[in-house]
Amino acid sequence: PAGLELRPKPRDFTNPKFHELRTDGELFWVIRNGTERTRMISYSPSYITEDEAWMVIHYLRTFTKKAGIG
């Protein structure tokens, strides 16, 4: 419900277009550095390690399988 108030709206990670357009490297950069004009902040290594960022990416990529894609 809180996501309804966010601008821009949160991503739909089950959308196949999202996964087609984003490389793992791009996702890694966003996870570590945030995204301008959003509430996604930059994380210092004390908050999320490189290994944890890669775990998040691997988890995100499972959403396409759950949606019957790929």
N, C-alpha and C. Protein backbone atom coordinates (compact mmCIF):
# COMPACT_ATOMS: atom_id res chain seq x y z
N PRO A 1 0.81 -1.22 0.00
CA PRO A 1 0.00 0.00 0.00
C PRO A 1 0.85 1.27 0.00
N ALA A 2 1.97 1.27 0.72
CA ALA A 2 2.80 2.47 0.77
C ALA A 2 3.37 2.81 -0.60
N GLY A 3 3.56 1.81 -1.44
CA GLY A 3 4.10 2.03 -2.77
C GLY A 3 3.19 2.86 -3.65
N LEU A 4 1.91 2.88 -3.35
CA LEU A 4 0.97 3.67 -4.16
C LEU A 4 1.26 5.16 -4.07
N GLU A 5 1.89 5.58 -3.00
CA GLU A 5 2.20 7.00 -2.79
C GLU A 5 3.51 7.43 -3.43
N LEU A 6 4.33 6.47 -3.83
CA LEU A 6 5.65 6.80 -4.36
C LEU A 6 5.58 7.32 -5.79
N ARG A 7 6.44 8.29 -6.08
CA ARG A 7 6.60 8.83 -7.44
C ARG A 7 8.07 8.86 -7.74
N PRO A 8 8.58 8.19 -8.72
CA PRO A 8 7.84 7.29 -9.60
C PRO A 8 7.42 6.02 -8.85
N LYS A 9 6.44 5.32 -9.41
CA LYS A 9 5.93 4.10 -8.79
C LYS A 9 7.00 3.02 -8.78
N PRO A 10 6.92 2.10 -7.82
CA PRO A 10 7.89 1.00 -7.78
C PRO A 10 7.82 0.15 -9.05
N ARG A 11 8.93 -0.45 -9.40
CA ARG A 11 8.99 -1.30 -10.59
C ARG A 11 8.21 -2.59 -10.39
N ASP A 12 7.73 -3.12 -11.50
CA ASP A 12 7.12 -4.44 -11.52
C ASP A 12 8.21 -5.40 -11.98
N PHE A 13 8.83 -6.10 -11.06
CA PHE A 13 9.95 -6.97 -11.40
C PHE A 13 9.51 -8.25 -12.11
N THR A 14 8.20 -8.47 -12.22
CA THR A 14 7.73 -9.62 -13.01
C THR A 14 7.54 -9.25 -14.48
N ASN A 15 7.71 -7.99 -14.81
CA ASN A 15 7.55 -7.53 -16.19
C ASN A 15 8.76 -8.00 -17.01
N PRO A 16 8.51 -8.81 -18.05
CA PRO A 16 9.64 -9.32 -18.84
C PRO A 16 10.45 -8.22 -19.52
N LYS A 17 9.83 -7.11 -19.87
CA LYS A 17 10.55 -6.01 -20.52
C LYS A 17 11.64 -5.46 -19.61
N PHE A 18 11.34 -5.38 -18.32
CA PHE A 18 12.34 -4.91 -17.37
C PHE A 18 13.60 -5.78 -17.46
N HIS A 19 13.42 -7.08 -17.46
CA HIS A 19 14.56 -7.99 -17.47
C HIS A 19 15.28 -8.02 -18.82
N GLU A 20 14.55 -7.78 -19.89
CA GLU A 20 15.17 -7.72 -21.22
C GLU A 20 16.05 -6.49 -21.37
N LEU A 21 15.67 -5.40 -20.74
CA LEU A 21 16.35 -4.12 -20.93
C LEU A 21 17.50 -3.87 -19.96
N ARG A 22 17.56 -4.62 -18.85
CA ARG A 22 18.56 -4.35 -17.82
C ARG A 22 19.58 -5.47 -17.72
N THR A 23 20.85 -5.13 -17.78
CA THR A 23 21.90 -6.12 -17.57
C THR A 23 22.12 -6.29 -16.07
N ASP A 24 22.78 -7.36 -15.70
CA ASP A 24 23.11 -7.56 -14.29
C ASP A 24 24.00 -6.43 -13.79
N GLY A 25 24.92 -5.99 -14.64
CA GLY A 25 25.81 -4.89 -14.25
C GLY A 25 25.06 -3.61 -13.97
N GLU A 26 24.04 -3.31 -14.78
CA GLU A 26 23.23 -2.11 -14.54
C GLU A 26 22.49 -2.22 -13.21
N LEU A 27 21.92 -3.39 -12.95
CA LEU A 27 21.21 -3.58 -11.69
C LEU A 27 22.16 -3.44 -10.51
N PHE A 28 23.34 -4.01 -10.65
CA PHE A 28 24.34 -3.91 -9.58
C PHE A 28 24.65 -2.44 -9.28
N TRP A 29 24.86 -1.65 -10.33
CA TRP A 29 25.19 -0.24 -10.15
C TRP A 29 24.06 0.49 -9.43
N VAL A 30 22.82 0.23 -9.82
CA VAL A 30 21.68 0.90 -9.19
C VAL A 30 21.55 0.48 -7.74
N ILE A 31 21.73 -0.81 -7.46
CA ILE A 31 21.62 -1.26 -6.07
C ILE A 31 22.68 -0.59 -5.20
N ARG A 32 23.87 -0.45 -5.72
CA ARG A 32 24.95 0.14 -4.93
C ARG A 32 24.93 1.67 -4.91
N ASN A 33 24.41 2.30 -5.97
CA ASN A 33 24.51 3.76 -6.10
C ASN A 33 23.18 4.50 -6.05
N GLY A 34 22.07 3.79 -6.06
CA GLY A 34 20.78 4.44 -6.04
C GLY A 34 20.37 4.95 -7.42
N THR A 35 19.25 5.63 -7.47
CA THR A 35 18.72 6.15 -8.72
C THR A 35 18.28 7.59 -8.50
N GLU A 36 18.73 8.48 -9.36
CA GLU A 36 18.35 9.88 -9.24
C GLU A 36 16.84 10.05 -9.38
N ARG A 37 16.32 11.06 -8.73
CA ARG A 37 14.92 11.43 -8.77
C ARG A 37 14.00 10.33 -8.26
N THR A 38 14.52 9.43 -7.42
CA THR A 38 13.71 8.42 -6.76
C THR A 38 14.11 8.40 -5.29
N ARG A 39 13.42 7.60 -4.53
CA ARG A 39 13.77 7.46 -3.12
C ARG A 39 14.78 6.35 -2.91
N MET A 40 15.30 5.77 -3.99
CA MET A 40 16.30 4.73 -3.86
C MET A 40 17.64 5.39 -3.61
N ILE A 41 18.10 5.21 -2.40
CA ILE A 41 19.33 5.88 -1.97
C ILE A 41 20.55 5.05 -2.30
N SER A 42 21.69 5.67 -2.21
CA SER A 42 22.97 4.99 -2.37
C SER A 42 23.30 4.26 -1.08
N TYR A 43 23.78 3.03 -1.22
CA TYR A 43 24.17 2.24 -0.04
C TYR A 43 25.67 2.18 0.06
N SER A 44 26.17 2.49 1.22
CA SER A 44 27.61 2.34 1.44
C SER A 44 27.90 0.86 1.67
N PRO A 45 29.14 0.45 1.51
CA PRO A 45 29.48 -0.96 1.74
C PRO A 45 29.10 -1.46 3.13
N SER A 46 28.91 -0.56 4.08
CA SER A 46 28.53 -1.00 5.42
C SER A 46 27.07 -1.45 5.46
N TYR A 47 26.26 -1.05 4.47
CA TYR A 47 24.85 -1.45 4.42
C TYR A 47 24.64 -2.69 3.57
N ILE A 48 25.26 -2.73 2.41
CA ILE A 48 25.08 -3.87 1.52
C ILE A 48 26.42 -4.16 0.85
N THR A 49 26.85 -5.39 0.97
CA THR A 49 28.13 -5.79 0.39
C THR A 49 27.94 -6.11 -1.09
N GLU A 50 29.05 -6.26 -1.81
CA GLU A 50 28.97 -6.67 -3.21
C GLU A 50 28.28 -8.03 -3.33
N ASP A 51 28.63 -8.96 -2.45
CA ASP A 51 27.99 -10.28 -2.48
C ASP A 51 26.48 -10.18 -2.26
N GLU A 52 26.07 -9.34 -1.32
CA GLU A 52 24.64 -9.16 -1.06
C GLU A 52 23.93 -8.54 -2.26
N ALA A 53 24.59 -7.59 -2.92
CA ALA A 53 24.00 -6.98 -4.12
C ALA A 53 23.78 -8.04 -5.20
N TRP A 54 24.76 -8.92 -5.38
CA TRP A 54 24.60 -9.98 -6.38
C TRP A 54 23.49 -10.95 -5.97
N MET A 55 23.32 -11.21 -4.69
CA MET A 55 22.23 -12.07 -4.23
C MET A 55 20.88 -11.45 -4.57
N VAL A 56 20.78 -10.13 -4.40
CA VAL A 56 19.54 -9.43 -4.74
C VAL A 56 19.26 -9.58 -6.24
N ILE A 57 20.27 -9.41 -7.06
CA ILE A 57 20.11 -9.53 -8.52
C ILE A 57 19.65 -10.94 -8.89
N HIS A 58 20.29 -11.94 -8.32
CA HIS A 58 19.89 -13.32 -8.62
C HIS A 58 18.44 -13.56 -8.19
N TYR A 59 18.05 -12.99 -7.07
CA TYR A 59 16.67 -13.11 -6.61
C TYR A 59 15.71 -12.40 -7.57
N LEU A 60 16.05 -11.20 -7.99
CA LEU A 60 15.19 -10.47 -8.94
C LEU A 60 14.98 -11.26 -10.22
N ARG A 61 16.01 -11.91 -10.68
CA ARG A 61 15.92 -12.68 -11.93
C ARG A 61 14.99 -13.89 -11.78
N THR A 62 14.72 -14.34 -10.56
CA THR A 62 13.79 -15.46 -10.38
C THR A 62 12.34 -15.02 -10.61
N PHE A 63 12.06 -13.74 -10.55
CA PHE A 63 10.69 -13.27 -10.73
C PHE A 63 10.15 -13.59 -12.10
N THR A 64 11.01 -13.62 -13.12
CA THR A 64 10.52 -13.94 -14.46
C THR A 64 10.04 -15.38 -14.51
N LYS A 65 10.71 -16.26 -13.80
CA LYS A 65 10.31 -17.66 -13.77
C LYS A 65 8.99 -17.82 -13.04
N LYS A 66 8.80 -17.07 -11.96
CA LYS A 66 7.56 -17.13 -11.20
C LYS A 66 6.38 -16.61 -12.02
N ALA A 67 6.66 -15.70 -12.94
CA ALA A 67 5.61 -15.14 -13.79
C ALA A 67 5.44 -15.98 -15.07
N GLY A 68 6.19 -17.09 -15.16
CA GLY A 68 6.08 -17.95 -16.33
C GLY A 68 6.85 -17.45 -17.52
N ILE A 69 7.89 -16.67 -17.28
CA ILE A 69 8.70 -16.09 -18.35
C ILE A 69 10.09 -16.71 -18.27
N GLY A 70 10.65 -17.06 -19.39
CA GLY A 70 12.02 -17.53 -19.41
C GLY A 70 12.26 -18.92 -18.92
